[in-house]
Each structure stands twice: as C-alpha cells, then as structure tokens.
Amino acid sequence: MKIEMELHDLNNIMKKFPQAGPIINRLGRRTMAASLSHFEEQVSGETPVNFGTLRAGWATDMFGAPVAAVFEGKVVNPTLYGEVVEVGRKPGTWPPRGPIELWVIRKLGIPAGEESRSVAFLIARKIGTKGTDGAFMMKRGFENGLPKVKKLWNALPDAIIRALGAK
C-alpha cells in the first residue's frame, strides 16, 4: 500500500526562503517518523495474534531525499507468512506443513511426532482445498491511521513558518 502527499506550500516556502532547507529537513523527518510510528501502531493493532510473532514483527524504515523535500518511509514485517495473513490464500495450493506442524504442537498441545504430522497434514489439506481469508491488517491499519497522518502533514508548513520566524 502506498500513500503519497504533495504539499504545495512546502515548495513555495522553499522558493521564498532558501535558508529553510535544514528546518524543512528536520521538521519533515520528524513528521515522517511520527507518521510511520502511527501507521505501525494502527497496523499492529489490526494484526491477529497467535503467538504474537507477526504482531511483534512490525517495524518502520525512513529514507528519501530531504534536499528535495521528499520524505519516504515504509512499515514492514519480515515474517515469511505476513503477506499470506494479509491477503489470504487461494484454494489450490497447499501451504508448507512444517510451520503448521509447529503451530499444532504449540497451539493445540499435540506432542511432536506422528500425530502432530497427521494433524498438520489435515490442516494443510483443508487450507489447500478451501483457502484462507485475509486479515487485511495493513489495509485497515492504514485506513484507520490516514486521517491523523494527513493532519500531521498538513500542519507541517505552518510549523516550518513558525520555525523560520524564530530564527
């Protein structure tokens, strides 16, 4: 999911006040960090909890070209199954049984061995036949977080002008 915001006021400030670059950089990075933190919090809150690994895996990364007043960032989750939880799995392909067997052992309390492998096989077959629904935690988290993030960015030009006045 990608969200882009263009602040025309920011470009105008840069044209009128060439010395504003460091202020724009500092306040823009602060706004991006707050935005990413808010999105991460919203996405995490929407993430289903089994053992908490997926929920605890959320992180943010900020990058961009501050000289051009371009601030970019992303909310990421390195777990292998995060995308499958987000969008679900269509019927027709079996999921890997190893992680399912581990889930069977941990969640259902079935001891490792033939029984856990059999239960994992049945679950994998069911998922392969019926598929799974997506949780859409990223989609919902970003939708929930967008109003506040828009407010943060819309307040940035005024904050820059106030900072310029303080110099």
N, C-alpha and C. Protein backbone atom coordinates (compact mmCIF):
# COMPACT_ATOMS: atom_id res chain seq x y z
N MET A 1 0.85 -1.16 0.00
CA MET A 1 0.00 0.00 0.00
C MET A 1 0.90 1.23 0.00
N LYS A 2 0.59 2.18 -0.83
CA LYS A 2 1.41 3.37 -0.96
C LYS A 2 0.54 4.61 -0.79
N ILE A 3 1.04 5.54 -0.01
CA ILE A 3 0.33 6.79 0.21
C ILE A 3 1.28 7.92 -0.17
N GLU A 4 0.82 8.83 -1.00
CA GLU A 4 1.63 9.97 -1.40
C GLU A 4 0.88 11.24 -1.05
N MET A 5 1.63 12.21 -0.53
CA MET A 5 1.06 13.51 -0.23
C MET A 5 1.98 14.56 -0.83
N GLU A 6 1.41 15.50 -1.53
CA GLU A 6 2.21 16.59 -2.08
C GLU A 6 1.78 17.87 -1.40
N LEU A 7 2.74 18.53 -0.82
CA LEU A 7 2.47 19.77 -0.11
C LEU A 7 2.99 20.94 -0.94
N HIS A 8 2.08 21.60 -1.64
CA HIS A 8 2.47 22.73 -2.49
C HIS A 8 3.04 23.86 -1.65
N ASP A 9 2.52 24.04 -0.44
CA ASP A 9 3.05 25.09 0.43
C ASP A 9 4.52 24.88 0.73
N LEU A 10 4.94 23.63 0.83
CA LEU A 10 6.33 23.34 1.11
C LEU A 10 7.23 23.83 -0.02
N ASN A 11 6.80 23.60 -1.25
CA ASN A 11 7.57 24.08 -2.40
C ASN A 11 7.64 25.60 -2.42
N ASN A 12 6.54 26.25 -2.08
CA ASN A 12 6.52 27.71 -2.04
C ASN A 12 7.45 28.25 -0.96
N ILE A 13 7.46 27.58 0.19
CA ILE A 13 8.35 28.00 1.28
C ILE A 13 9.80 27.87 0.83
N MET A 14 10.12 26.77 0.17
CA MET A 14 11.49 26.55 -0.28
C MET A 14 11.92 27.62 -1.29
N LYS A 15 11.01 28.05 -2.15
CA LYS A 15 11.34 29.07 -3.15
C LYS A 15 11.56 30.43 -2.48
N LYS A 16 10.69 30.77 -1.53
CA LYS A 16 10.77 32.08 -0.89
C LYS A 16 11.86 32.16 0.16
N PHE A 17 12.17 31.04 0.79
CA PHE A 17 13.16 31.03 1.88
C PHE A 17 14.18 29.92 1.64
N PRO A 18 15.17 30.21 0.81
CA PRO A 18 16.18 29.18 0.53
C PRO A 18 16.88 28.65 1.78
N GLN A 19 16.95 29.47 2.81
CA GLN A 19 17.60 29.06 4.06
C GLN A 19 16.74 28.08 4.85
N ALA A 20 15.53 27.80 4.39
CA ALA A 20 14.61 26.93 5.13
C ALA A 20 14.96 25.44 5.01
N GLY A 21 15.91 25.10 4.13
CA GLY A 21 16.24 23.69 3.89
C GLY A 21 16.47 22.86 5.14
N PRO A 22 17.35 23.29 6.04
CA PRO A 22 17.59 22.49 7.25
C PRO A 22 16.35 22.38 8.14
N ILE A 23 15.56 23.43 8.19
CA ILE A 23 14.33 23.38 9.01
C ILE A 23 13.33 22.42 8.38
N ILE A 24 13.18 22.51 7.07
CA ILE A 24 12.27 21.60 6.37
C ILE A 24 12.73 20.16 6.56
N ASN A 25 14.02 19.94 6.46
CA ASN A 25 14.56 18.60 6.64
C ASN A 25 14.25 18.08 8.04
N ARG A 26 14.55 18.89 9.05
CA ARG A 26 14.35 18.45 10.44
C ARG A 26 12.88 18.21 10.74
N LEU A 27 12.03 19.16 10.39
CA LEU A 27 10.60 19.01 10.71
C LEU A 27 9.92 17.97 9.80
N GLY A 28 10.39 17.87 8.57
CA GLY A 28 9.84 16.85 7.66
C GLY A 28 10.18 15.45 8.14
N ARG A 29 11.42 15.26 8.57
CA ARG A 29 11.83 13.94 9.09
C ARG A 29 11.05 13.62 10.37
N ARG A 30 10.85 14.62 11.20
CA ARG A 30 10.09 14.41 12.43
C ARG A 30 8.64 14.02 12.10
N THR A 31 8.07 14.69 11.11
CA THR A 31 6.69 14.38 10.70
C THR A 31 6.61 12.98 10.10
N MET A 32 7.60 12.62 9.29
CA MET A 32 7.61 11.28 8.71
C MET A 32 7.75 10.22 9.80
N ALA A 33 8.62 10.46 10.76
CA ALA A 33 8.80 9.49 11.86
C ALA A 33 7.50 9.33 12.64
N ALA A 34 6.81 10.44 12.92
CA ALA A 34 5.54 10.37 13.65
C ALA A 34 4.48 9.65 12.82
N SER A 35 4.48 9.89 11.52
CA SER A 35 3.52 9.23 10.62
C SER A 35 3.74 7.73 10.60
N LEU A 36 5.00 7.34 10.43
CA LEU A 36 5.32 5.91 10.39
C LEU A 36 4.99 5.23 11.71
N SER A 37 5.30 5.89 12.80
CA SER A 37 5.00 5.33 14.11
C SER A 37 3.49 5.13 14.29
N HIS A 38 2.73 6.11 13.84
CA HIS A 38 1.27 6.00 13.96
C HIS A 38 0.74 4.86 13.08
N PHE A 39 1.22 4.78 11.84
CA PHE A 39 0.78 3.70 10.96
C PHE A 39 1.17 2.35 11.54
N GLU A 40 2.39 2.24 12.06
CA GLU A 40 2.83 0.97 12.65
C GLU A 40 1.92 0.57 13.81
N GLU A 41 1.58 1.53 14.64
CA GLU A 41 0.68 1.27 15.77
C GLU A 41 -0.69 0.78 15.30
N GLN A 42 -1.22 1.42 14.27
CA GLN A 42 -2.53 1.04 13.74
C GLN A 42 -2.50 -0.35 13.11
N VAL A 43 -1.47 -0.63 12.32
CA VAL A 43 -1.34 -1.94 11.66
C VAL A 43 -1.14 -3.04 12.71
N SER A 44 -0.31 -2.77 13.68
CA SER A 44 -0.08 -3.74 14.75
C SER A 44 -1.38 -4.06 15.48
N GLY A 45 -2.17 -3.05 15.74
CA GLY A 45 -3.45 -3.26 16.43
C GLY A 45 -4.43 -4.09 15.62
N GLU A 46 -4.29 -4.08 14.32
CA GLU A 46 -5.17 -4.86 13.43
C GLU A 46 -4.64 -6.27 13.17
N THR A 47 -3.42 -6.55 13.60
CA THR A 47 -2.77 -7.82 13.30
C THR A 47 -3.29 -8.92 14.23
N PRO A 48 -3.76 -10.03 13.67
CA PRO A 48 -4.22 -11.13 14.51
C PRO A 48 -3.07 -11.68 15.36
N VAL A 49 -3.40 -12.14 16.53
CA VAL A 49 -2.37 -12.66 17.44
C VAL A 49 -2.56 -14.15 17.62
N ASN A 50 -1.49 -14.86 17.35
CA ASN A 50 -1.44 -16.28 17.63
C ASN A 50 -0.40 -16.46 18.73
N PHE A 51 0.85 -16.27 18.36
CA PHE A 51 1.93 -16.25 19.35
C PHE A 51 2.50 -14.86 19.49
N GLY A 52 2.02 -13.93 18.69
CA GLY A 52 2.49 -12.56 18.75
C GLY A 52 3.69 -12.28 17.87
N THR A 53 4.18 -13.27 17.14
CA THR A 53 5.36 -13.09 16.31
C THR A 53 5.08 -12.11 15.18
N LEU A 54 3.96 -12.27 14.51
CA LEU A 54 3.61 -11.38 13.40
C LEU A 54 3.38 -9.97 13.93
N ARG A 55 2.64 -9.84 15.00
CA ARG A 55 2.36 -8.52 15.57
C ARG A 55 3.65 -7.84 16.04
N ALA A 56 4.53 -8.59 16.65
CA ALA A 56 5.78 -8.02 17.16
C ALA A 56 6.78 -7.73 16.04
N GLY A 57 6.54 -8.26 14.85
CA GLY A 57 7.48 -8.10 13.75
C GLY A 57 7.42 -6.78 13.02
N TRP A 58 6.43 -5.96 13.28
CA TRP A 58 6.28 -4.70 12.55
C TRP A 58 7.42 -3.74 12.89
N ALA A 59 7.92 -3.06 11.88
CA ALA A 59 8.98 -2.07 12.04
C ALA A 59 8.81 -1.00 10.97
N THR A 60 9.53 0.08 11.12
CA THR A 60 9.46 1.16 10.13
C THR A 60 10.85 1.43 9.57
N ASP A 61 10.87 2.01 8.39
CA ASP A 61 12.11 2.40 7.75
C ASP A 61 11.86 3.73 7.06
N MET A 62 12.75 4.69 7.29
CA MET A 62 12.58 6.02 6.70
C MET A 62 13.76 6.29 5.78
N PHE A 63 13.47 6.86 4.62
CA PHE A 63 14.50 7.18 3.64
C PHE A 63 13.97 8.32 2.80
N GLY A 64 14.71 8.75 1.81
CA GLY A 64 14.22 9.82 0.94
C GLY A 64 15.31 10.82 0.63
N ALA A 65 14.89 11.90 -0.02
CA ALA A 65 15.81 12.95 -0.43
C ALA A 65 15.40 14.25 0.23
N PRO A 66 15.85 14.49 1.45
CA PRO A 66 15.41 15.69 2.17
C PRO A 66 15.78 16.99 1.48
N VAL A 67 16.84 17.00 0.67
CA VAL A 67 17.22 18.22 -0.03
C VAL A 67 16.09 18.65 -0.96
N ALA A 68 15.39 17.68 -1.54
CA ALA A 68 14.28 17.98 -2.44
C ALA A 68 12.95 17.94 -1.69
N ALA A 69 13.02 17.91 -0.37
CA ALA A 69 11.81 17.83 0.47
C ALA A 69 10.97 16.61 0.09
N VAL A 70 11.64 15.49 -0.14
CA VAL A 70 10.96 14.23 -0.42
C VAL A 70 11.26 13.31 0.76
N PHE A 71 10.23 12.96 1.48
CA PHE A 71 10.39 12.10 2.65
C PHE A 71 9.63 10.82 2.38
N GLU A 72 10.29 9.71 2.56
CA GLU A 72 9.65 8.42 2.29
C GLU A 72 9.88 7.49 3.47
N GLY A 73 8.98 6.56 3.62
CA GLY A 73 9.13 5.57 4.66
C GLY A 73 8.23 4.40 4.39
N LYS A 74 8.44 3.35 5.14
CA LYS A 74 7.59 2.19 4.98
C LYS A 74 7.42 1.47 6.31
N VAL A 75 6.31 0.79 6.40
CA VAL A 75 6.04 -0.09 7.52
C VAL A 75 6.23 -1.49 6.99
N VAL A 76 7.07 -2.28 7.64
CA VAL A 76 7.44 -3.60 7.11
C VAL A 76 7.28 -4.67 8.18
N ASN A 77 7.17 -5.89 7.69
CA ASN A 77 7.15 -7.05 8.58
C ASN A 77 7.92 -8.16 7.88
N PRO A 78 9.03 -8.61 8.46
CA PRO A 78 9.88 -9.58 7.79
C PRO A 78 9.40 -11.03 7.88
N THR A 79 8.33 -11.29 8.60
CA THR A 79 7.90 -12.68 8.72
C THR A 79 7.48 -13.22 7.35
N LEU A 80 7.77 -14.48 7.11
CA LEU A 80 7.50 -15.09 5.82
C LEU A 80 6.01 -15.20 5.52
N TYR A 81 5.20 -15.30 6.54
CA TYR A 81 3.78 -15.54 6.34
C TYR A 81 2.93 -14.27 6.45
N GLY A 82 3.57 -13.13 6.64
CA GLY A 82 2.82 -11.88 6.80
C GLY A 82 1.92 -11.56 5.62
N GLU A 83 2.44 -11.74 4.41
CA GLU A 83 1.65 -11.44 3.22
C GLU A 83 0.46 -12.39 3.09
N VAL A 84 0.67 -13.66 3.44
CA VAL A 84 -0.43 -14.63 3.36
C VAL A 84 -1.52 -14.27 4.37
N VAL A 85 -1.12 -13.84 5.55
CA VAL A 85 -2.11 -13.42 6.55
C VAL A 85 -2.85 -12.18 6.05
N GLU A 86 -2.14 -11.26 5.41
CA GLU A 86 -2.75 -10.03 4.90
C GLU A 86 -3.81 -10.33 3.84
N VAL A 87 -3.44 -11.06 2.80
CA VAL A 87 -4.34 -11.22 1.66
C VAL A 87 -5.05 -12.57 1.61
N GLY A 88 -4.64 -13.51 2.45
CA GLY A 88 -5.26 -14.83 2.43
C GLY A 88 -4.57 -15.73 1.42
N ARG A 89 -5.08 -16.94 1.32
CA ARG A 89 -4.53 -17.93 0.38
C ARG A 89 -5.67 -18.48 -0.45
N LYS A 90 -5.48 -18.46 -1.75
CA LYS A 90 -6.50 -19.01 -2.64
C LYS A 90 -6.45 -20.53 -2.59
N PRO A 91 -7.59 -21.18 -2.80
CA PRO A 91 -7.58 -22.64 -2.86
C PRO A 91 -6.72 -23.11 -4.04
N GLY A 92 -6.17 -24.29 -3.89
CA GLY A 92 -5.43 -24.88 -4.99
C GLY A 92 -3.97 -25.15 -4.70
N THR A 93 -3.42 -24.49 -3.73
CA THR A 93 -2.03 -24.76 -3.35
C THR A 93 -1.97 -25.03 -1.86
N TRP A 94 -1.19 -26.01 -1.52
CA TRP A 94 -1.02 -26.37 -0.11
C TRP A 94 0.04 -25.48 0.53
N PRO A 95 -0.20 -25.07 1.74
CA PRO A 95 0.85 -24.33 2.46
C PRO A 95 1.91 -25.31 2.94
N PRO A 96 3.08 -24.82 3.31
CA PRO A 96 4.12 -25.72 3.84
C PRO A 96 3.66 -26.32 5.17
N ARG A 97 3.90 -27.61 5.33
CA ARG A 97 3.41 -28.30 6.53
C ARG A 97 4.27 -28.08 7.77
N GLY A 98 5.55 -27.78 7.58
CA GLY A 98 6.44 -27.60 8.72
C GLY A 98 5.95 -26.53 9.71
N PRO A 99 5.67 -25.33 9.24
CA PRO A 99 5.17 -24.30 10.15
C PRO A 99 3.81 -24.66 10.76
N ILE A 100 2.99 -25.36 9.99
CA ILE A 100 1.68 -25.78 10.52
C ILE A 100 1.88 -26.81 11.62
N GLU A 101 2.82 -27.72 11.43
CA GLU A 101 3.07 -28.72 12.48
C GLU A 101 3.58 -28.04 13.76
N LEU A 102 4.45 -27.06 13.59
CA LEU A 102 4.93 -26.32 14.76
C LEU A 102 3.76 -25.64 15.47
N TRP A 103 2.84 -25.08 14.70
CA TRP A 103 1.64 -24.44 15.26
C TRP A 103 0.80 -25.49 16.00
N VAL A 104 0.64 -26.66 15.41
CA VAL A 104 -0.14 -27.75 16.03
C VAL A 104 0.47 -28.13 17.38
N ILE A 105 1.78 -28.23 17.42
CA ILE A 105 2.46 -28.60 18.66
C ILE A 105 2.28 -27.51 19.72
N ARG A 106 2.51 -26.26 19.32
CA ARG A 106 2.45 -25.15 20.28
C ARG A 106 1.03 -24.80 20.68
N LYS A 107 0.17 -24.65 19.70
CA LYS A 107 -1.18 -24.13 19.96
C LYS A 107 -2.14 -25.22 20.44
N LEU A 108 -2.07 -26.38 19.82
CA LEU A 108 -3.01 -27.45 20.16
C LEU A 108 -2.45 -28.39 21.23
N GLY A 109 -1.17 -28.28 21.52
CA GLY A 109 -0.57 -29.09 22.57
C GLY A 109 -0.39 -30.55 22.18
N ILE A 110 -0.38 -30.84 20.90
CA ILE A 110 -0.18 -32.21 20.44
C ILE A 110 1.33 -32.47 20.39
N PRO A 111 1.78 -33.53 21.03
CA PRO A 111 3.22 -33.79 21.06
C PRO A 111 3.79 -34.02 19.67
N ALA A 112 5.05 -33.60 19.49
CA ALA A 112 5.73 -33.80 18.20
C ALA A 112 5.80 -35.28 17.88
N GLY A 113 5.57 -35.59 16.63
CA GLY A 113 5.62 -36.98 16.21
C GLY A 113 4.58 -37.26 15.14
N GLU A 114 4.18 -38.51 15.07
CA GLU A 114 3.24 -38.94 14.03
C GLU A 114 1.91 -38.20 14.13
N GLU A 115 1.38 -38.03 15.34
CA GLU A 115 0.08 -37.36 15.49
C GLU A 115 0.14 -35.90 15.05
N SER A 116 1.20 -35.19 15.42
CA SER A 116 1.32 -33.78 15.03
C SER A 116 1.47 -33.66 13.51
N ARG A 117 2.21 -34.59 12.91
CA ARG A 117 2.35 -34.58 11.44
C ARG A 117 1.02 -34.86 10.76
N SER A 118 0.23 -35.79 11.32
CA SER A 118 -1.07 -36.11 10.74
C SER A 118 -2.03 -34.93 10.82
N VAL A 119 -2.05 -34.28 11.98
CA VAL A 119 -2.94 -33.12 12.15
C VAL A 119 -2.49 -31.99 11.22
N ALA A 120 -1.18 -31.77 11.11
CA ALA A 120 -0.66 -30.73 10.21
C ALA A 120 -1.04 -31.04 8.77
N PHE A 121 -0.98 -32.33 8.39
CA PHE A 121 -1.37 -32.73 7.04
C PHE A 121 -2.83 -32.40 6.78
N LEU A 122 -3.71 -32.72 7.75
CA LEU A 122 -5.14 -32.44 7.58
C LEU A 122 -5.41 -30.94 7.47
N ILE A 123 -4.73 -30.15 8.28
CA ILE A 123 -4.92 -28.70 8.23
C ILE A 123 -4.42 -28.15 6.90
N ALA A 124 -3.25 -28.59 6.47
CA ALA A 124 -2.70 -28.14 5.19
C ALA A 124 -3.63 -28.52 4.03
N ARG A 125 -4.19 -29.73 4.09
CA ARG A 125 -5.11 -30.17 3.04
C ARG A 125 -6.36 -29.29 3.02
N LYS A 126 -6.88 -28.98 4.19
CA LYS A 126 -8.07 -28.13 4.28
C LYS A 126 -7.77 -26.73 3.73
N ILE A 127 -6.63 -26.16 4.12
CA ILE A 127 -6.25 -24.84 3.60
C ILE A 127 -6.04 -24.91 2.09
N GLY A 128 -5.41 -25.98 1.61
CA GLY A 128 -5.19 -26.13 0.18
C GLY A 128 -6.48 -26.27 -0.60
N THR A 129 -7.49 -26.87 0.03
CA THR A 129 -8.77 -27.07 -0.63
C THR A 129 -9.66 -25.83 -0.56
N LYS A 130 -9.75 -25.24 0.62
CA LYS A 130 -10.68 -24.12 0.84
C LYS A 130 -10.02 -22.75 0.77
N GLY A 131 -8.70 -22.67 0.99
CA GLY A 131 -8.03 -21.39 1.07
C GLY A 131 -8.25 -20.76 2.44
N THR A 132 -7.78 -19.54 2.61
CA THR A 132 -7.99 -18.80 3.85
C THR A 132 -8.38 -17.38 3.52
N ASP A 133 -9.08 -16.74 4.42
CA ASP A 133 -9.43 -15.34 4.27
C ASP A 133 -8.26 -14.48 4.71
N GLY A 134 -8.13 -13.32 4.11
CA GLY A 134 -7.09 -12.39 4.53
C GLY A 134 -7.54 -11.60 5.75
N ALA A 135 -6.57 -11.19 6.56
CA ALA A 135 -6.86 -10.36 7.73
C ALA A 135 -6.87 -8.88 7.35
N PHE A 136 -6.16 -8.51 6.29
CA PHE A 136 -6.09 -7.14 5.78
C PHE A 136 -5.71 -6.13 6.87
N MET A 137 -4.75 -6.54 7.71
CA MET A 137 -4.32 -5.66 8.79
C MET A 137 -3.60 -4.43 8.28
N MET A 138 -2.82 -4.56 7.19
CA MET A 138 -2.16 -3.39 6.61
C MET A 138 -3.20 -2.44 6.03
N LYS A 139 -4.09 -2.98 5.27
CA LYS A 139 -5.12 -2.14 4.64
C LYS A 139 -5.94 -1.40 5.68
N ARG A 140 -6.43 -2.11 6.67
CA ARG A 140 -7.26 -1.48 7.70
C ARG A 140 -6.45 -0.53 8.57
N GLY A 141 -5.23 -0.93 8.90
CA GLY A 141 -4.37 -0.07 9.73
C GLY A 141 -4.07 1.25 9.03
N PHE A 142 -3.79 1.19 7.74
CA PHE A 142 -3.51 2.43 7.01
C PHE A 142 -4.78 3.27 6.85
N GLU A 143 -5.89 2.64 6.59
CA GLU A 143 -7.14 3.39 6.51
C GLU A 143 -7.45 4.07 7.84
N ASN A 144 -7.25 3.36 8.94
CA ASN A 144 -7.51 3.93 10.27
C ASN A 144 -6.54 5.07 10.59
N GLY A 145 -5.30 4.93 10.16
CA GLY A 145 -4.28 5.91 10.51
C GLY A 145 -4.22 7.13 9.61
N LEU A 146 -4.78 7.03 8.42
CA LEU A 146 -4.63 8.10 7.44
C LEU A 146 -5.15 9.46 7.91
N PRO A 147 -6.30 9.56 8.56
CA PRO A 147 -6.76 10.91 8.98
C PRO A 147 -5.75 11.64 9.87
N LYS A 148 -5.19 10.96 10.84
CA LYS A 148 -4.22 11.61 11.73
C LYS A 148 -2.94 11.96 10.97
N VAL A 149 -2.49 11.08 10.09
CA VAL A 149 -1.27 11.34 9.34
C VAL A 149 -1.46 12.53 8.41
N LYS A 150 -2.62 12.65 7.79
CA LYS A 150 -2.90 13.82 6.95
C LYS A 150 -2.82 15.10 7.78
N LYS A 151 -3.35 15.07 8.99
CA LYS A 151 -3.28 16.25 9.87
C LYS A 151 -1.84 16.61 10.19
N LEU A 152 -1.02 15.59 10.46
CA LEU A 152 0.39 15.84 10.75
C LEU A 152 1.08 16.56 9.59
N TRP A 153 0.84 16.07 8.38
CA TRP A 153 1.50 16.66 7.21
C TRP A 153 0.90 18.01 6.85
N ASN A 154 -0.38 18.17 7.03
CA ASN A 154 -1.00 19.47 6.72
C ASN A 154 -0.53 20.55 7.69
N ALA A 155 -0.10 20.16 8.88
CA ALA A 155 0.40 21.13 9.87
C ALA A 155 1.87 21.49 9.63
N LEU A 156 2.56 20.74 8.79
CA LEU A 156 3.99 20.95 8.59
C LEU A 156 4.34 22.34 8.05
N PRO A 157 3.68 22.85 7.00
CA PRO A 157 4.06 24.18 6.51
C PRO A 157 3.97 25.27 7.59
N ASP A 158 2.93 25.25 8.40
CA ASP A 158 2.82 26.25 9.46
C ASP A 158 3.95 26.09 10.48
N ALA A 159 4.30 24.85 10.80
CA ALA A 159 5.40 24.62 11.75
C ALA A 159 6.72 25.15 11.18
N ILE A 160 6.91 24.98 9.89
CA ILE A 160 8.13 25.48 9.25
C ILE A 160 8.17 27.00 9.31
N ILE A 161 7.06 27.64 9.00
CA ILE A 161 6.99 29.09 9.02
C ILE A 161 7.23 29.61 10.44
N ARG A 162 6.66 28.95 11.44
CA ARG A 162 6.91 29.35 12.83
C ARG A 162 8.40 29.22 13.17
N ALA A 163 9.01 28.12 12.72
CA ALA A 163 10.43 27.91 12.99
C ALA A 163 11.28 28.96 12.29
N LEU A 164 10.90 29.33 11.10
CA LEU A 164 11.62 30.38 10.37
C LEU A 164 11.53 31.72 11.09
N GLY A 165 10.36 31.99 11.65
CA GLY A 165 10.15 33.23 12.41
C GLY A 165 10.96 33.27 13.67
N ALA A 166 11.30 32.14 14.22
CA ALA A 166 12.05 32.08 15.46
C ALA A 166 13.55 32.29 15.21
N LYS A 167 13.96 32.21 13.95
CA LYS A 167 15.40 32.37 13.64
C LYS A 167 15.80 33.82 13.63
